[in-house]
């Protein structure tokens, strides 16, 4: 069974290998959900960040995830069931803007994703 990420992602193309030196404060290893969100958080804090991914953005564990988000206390569980592949959109915007993406964010324990 193919996940919604792979069914709807428009960013499936392979990226060329790094062919030049890149300067950054932090290198995030892996372009899955955790890696992309970590890179985004670092960029929001003003940290120069580069994401290193061996294959494609959103592959590995992220590729077949159900995108279930569970907050660390009972009662708040959210299942993302969208047709838009949010991760691919975020990864594409991140790649296009080289981390200079400014998304809205709320500091709450539970943030519904649409």
C-alpha atoms as a PDB file:
ATOM      1  CA  UNK A   1       0.000   0.000   0.000  1.00  0.00           C
ATOM      2  CA  UNK A   2       1.341   3.409  -0.959  1.00  0.00           C
ATOM      3  CA  UNK A   3       1.056   6.228   1.587  1.00  0.00           C
ATOM      4  CA  UNK A   4      -0.593   9.561   0.919  1.00  0.00           C
ATOM      5  CA  UNK A   5       2.855  11.183   0.938  1.00  0.00           C
ATOM      6  CA  UNK A   6       4.039   9.155  -2.033  1.00  0.00           C
ATOM      7  CA  UNK A   7       0.680   9.291  -3.840  1.00  0.00           C
ATOM      8  CA  UNK A   8       0.457  13.081  -3.873  1.00  0.00           C
ATOM      9  CA  UNK A   9       4.045  14.312  -3.625  1.00  0.00           C
ATOM     10  CA  UNK A  10       5.264  16.434  -6.528  1.00  0.00           C
ATOM     11  CA  UNK A  11       8.860  16.451  -5.280  1.00  0.00           C
ATOM     12  CA  UNK A  12       9.882  12.904  -6.149  1.00  0.00           C
ATOM     13  CA  UNK A  13      12.818  13.836  -8.351  1.00  0.00           C
ATOM     14  CA  UNK A  14      16.319  12.945  -7.223  1.00  0.00           C
ATOM     15  CA  UNK A  15      18.475  15.882  -6.287  1.00  0.00           C
ATOM     16  CA  UNK A  16      22.063  16.009  -7.568  1.00  0.00           C
ATOM     17  CA  UNK A  17      24.867  15.170  -5.174  1.00  0.00           C
ATOM     18  CA  UNK A  18      26.418  18.094  -3.343  1.00  0.00           C
ATOM     19  CA  UNK A  19      29.145  19.436  -5.643  1.00  0.00           C
ATOM     20  CA  UNK A  20      30.380  22.415  -3.648  1.00  0.00           C
ATOM     21  CA  UNK A  21      31.279  23.395  -0.129  1.00  0.00           C
ATOM     22  CA  UNK A  22      28.398  24.660   1.987  1.00  0.00           C
ATOM     23  CA  UNK A  23      28.820  26.655   5.182  1.00  0.00           C
ATOM     24  CA  UNK A  24      26.267  26.230   7.945  1.00  0.00           C
ATOM     25  CA  UNK A  25      26.079  26.305  11.721  1.00  0.00           C
ATOM     26  CA  UNK A  26      24.197  22.996  11.864  1.00  0.00           C
ATOM     27  CA  UNK A  27      23.885  20.038   9.507  1.00  0.00           C
ATOM     28  CA  UNK A  28      20.648  18.085   9.922  1.00  0.00           C
ATOM     29  CA  UNK A  29      21.127  14.487   8.828  1.00  0.00           C
ATOM     30  CA  UNK A  30      18.001  13.163   7.125  1.00  0.00           C
ATOM     31  CA  UNK A  31      15.193  14.808   5.208  1.00  0.00           C
ATOM     32  CA  UNK A  32      12.281  13.023   6.803  1.00  0.00           C
ATOM     33  CA  UNK A  33       9.580  14.621   8.882  1.00  0.00           C
ATOM     34  CA  UNK A  34      11.828  15.035  11.934  1.00  0.00           C
ATOM     35  CA  UNK A  35      14.773  16.374   9.926  1.00  0.00           C
ATOM     36  CA  UNK A  36      12.781  18.926   7.938  1.00  0.00           C
ATOM     37  CA  UNK A  37      10.941  20.171  11.027  1.00  0.00           C
ATOM     38  CA  UNK A  38      14.216  20.360  12.973  1.00  0.00           C
ATOM     39  CA  UNK A  39      15.808  22.386  10.177  1.00  0.00           C
ATOM     40  CA  UNK A  40      12.804  24.690  10.101  1.00  0.00           C
ATOM     41  CA  UNK A  41      12.978  25.277  13.871  1.00  0.00           C
ATOM     42  CA  UNK A  42      16.695  26.053  13.644  1.00  0.00           C
ATOM     43  CA  UNK A  43      16.153  28.477  10.766  1.00  0.00           C
ATOM     44  CA  UNK A  44      13.431  30.224  12.773  1.00  0.00           C
ATOM     45  CA  UNK A  45      15.999  30.726  15.540  1.00  0.00           C
ATOM     46  CA  UNK A  46      18.443  32.309  13.082  1.00  0.00           C
ATOM     47  CA  UNK A  47      20.725  29.288  12.797  1.00  0.00           C
ATOM     48  CA  UNK A  48      22.244  28.681   9.343  1.00  0.00           C
ATOM     49  CA  UNK A  49      21.115  25.137   8.557  1.00  0.00           C
ATOM     50  CA  UNK A  50      21.700  22.592   5.818  1.00  0.00           C
ATOM     51  CA  UNK A  51      19.733  19.344   5.395  1.00  0.00           C
ATOM     52  CA  UNK A  52      21.738  16.327   4.215  1.00  0.00           C
ATOM     53  CA  UNK A  53      19.610  13.559   2.686  1.00  0.00           C
ATOM     54  CA  UNK A  54      21.061  10.471   0.992  1.00  0.00           C
ATOM     55  CA  UNK A  55      18.003   9.667  -1.099  1.00  0.00           C
ATOM     56  CA  UNK A  56      14.844  11.780  -1.409  1.00  0.00           C
ATOM     57  CA  UNK A  57      13.081  14.178   0.951  1.00  0.00           C
ATOM     58  CA  UNK A  58      10.238  12.448   2.780  1.00  0.00           C
ATOM     59  CA  UNK A  59      11.414   8.862   2.312  1.00  0.00           C
ATOM     60  CA  UNK A  60      12.325   6.188   4.894  1.00  0.00           C
ATOM     61  CA  UNK A  61       9.999   6.078   7.903  1.00  0.00           C
ATOM     62  CA  UNK A  62       8.242   9.247   6.753  1.00  0.00           C
ATOM     63  CA  UNK A  63       7.324   7.675   3.417  1.00  0.00           C
ATOM     64  CA  UNK A  64       4.844   5.211   4.886  1.00  0.00           C
ATOM     65  CA  UNK A  65       3.684   7.128   7.936  1.00  0.00           C
ATOM     66  CA  UNK A  66       0.052   7.746   8.733  1.00  0.00           C
ATOM     67  CA  UNK A  67       1.084  11.190  10.043  1.00  0.00           C
ATOM     68  CA  UNK A  68      -0.392  10.422  13.438  1.00  0.00           C
ATOM     69  CA  UNK A  69       0.492  13.087  15.965  1.00  0.00           C
ATOM     70  CA  UNK A  70       0.067  12.249  19.639  1.00  0.00           C
ATOM     71  CA  UNK A  71       0.575  14.860  22.335  1.00  0.00           C
ATOM     72  CA  UNK A  72       2.270  13.555  25.468  1.00  0.00           C
ATOM     73  CA  UNK A  73      -0.858  13.564  27.625  1.00  0.00           C
ATOM     74  CA  UNK A  74      -4.176  11.721  27.223  1.00  0.00           C
ATOM     75  CA  UNK A  75      -7.064  12.978  25.196  1.00  0.00           C
ATOM     76  CA  UNK A  76      -5.404  14.841  22.334  1.00  0.00           C
ATOM     77  CA  UNK A  77      -4.831  12.665  19.310  1.00  0.00           C
ATOM     78  CA  UNK A  78      -4.985  13.958  15.788  1.00  0.00           C
ATOM     79  CA  UNK A  79      -4.922  11.908  12.603  1.00  0.00           C
ATOM     80  CA  UNK A  80      -4.001  13.862   9.519  1.00  0.00           C
ATOM     81  CA  UNK A  81      -6.119  12.660   6.628  1.00  0.00           C
ATOM     82  CA  UNK A  82      -5.525  15.206   3.898  1.00  0.00           C
ATOM     83  CA  UNK A  83      -5.026  14.825   0.182  1.00  0.00           C
ATOM     84  CA  UNK A  84      -2.358  17.516  -0.072  1.00  0.00           C
ATOM     85  CA  UNK A  85       0.832  15.897   1.264  1.00  0.00           C
ATOM     86  CA  UNK A  86       1.797  18.672   3.650  1.00  0.00           C
ATOM     87  CA  UNK A  87       5.309  17.332   4.140  1.00  0.00           C
ATOM     88  CA  UNK A  88       6.104  17.457   0.425  1.00  0.00           C
ATOM     89  CA  UNK A  89       4.822  21.009   0.233  1.00  0.00           C
ATOM     90  CA  UNK A  90       6.922  22.082   3.198  1.00  0.00           C
ATOM     91  CA  UNK A  91      10.000  20.292   1.892  1.00  0.00           C
ATOM     92  CA  UNK A  92       9.546  21.833  -1.549  1.00  0.00           C
ATOM     93  CA  UNK A  93       9.182  25.326  -0.104  1.00  0.00           C
ATOM     94  CA  UNK A  94      12.195  24.765   2.145  1.00  0.00           C
ATOM     95  CA  UNK A  95      14.304  23.585  -0.792  1.00  0.00           C
ATOM     96  CA  UNK A  96      13.086  26.378  -3.086  1.00  0.00           C
ATOM     97  CA  UNK A  97      13.868  29.078  -0.539  1.00  0.00           C
ATOM     98  CA  UNK A  98      16.934  27.398   0.975  1.00  0.00           C
ATOM     99  CA  UNK A  99      15.490  27.628   4.437  1.00  0.00           C
ATOM    100  CA  UNK A 100      14.304  31.218   4.195  1.00  0.00           C
ATOM    101  CA  UNK A 101      10.705  30.148   4.627  1.00  0.00           C
ATOM    102  CA  UNK A 102       8.544  31.998   7.125  1.00  0.00           C
ATOM    103  CA  UNK A 103       5.528  29.950   8.179  1.00  0.00           C
ATOM    104  CA  UNK A 104       3.098  30.836  10.913  1.00  0.00           C
ATOM    105  CA  UNK A 105       3.501  28.979  14.174  1.00  0.00           C
ATOM    106  CA  UNK A 106       1.660  28.760  17.469  1.00  0.00           C
ATOM    107  CA  UNK A 107       3.235  27.585  20.708  1.00  0.00           C
ATOM    108  CA  UNK A 108       0.613  25.192  21.998  1.00  0.00           C
ATOM    109  CA  UNK A 109       0.624  21.614  23.140  1.00  0.00           C
ATOM    110  CA  UNK A 110      -1.876  20.677  20.452  1.00  0.00           C
ATOM    111  CA  UNK A 111      -1.768  22.172  16.974  1.00  0.00           C
ATOM    112  CA  UNK A 112      -4.273  20.816  14.444  1.00  0.00           C
ATOM    113  CA  UNK A 113      -2.806  20.330  10.967  1.00  0.00           C
ATOM    114  CA  UNK A 114      -5.155  20.884   8.064  1.00  0.00           C
END
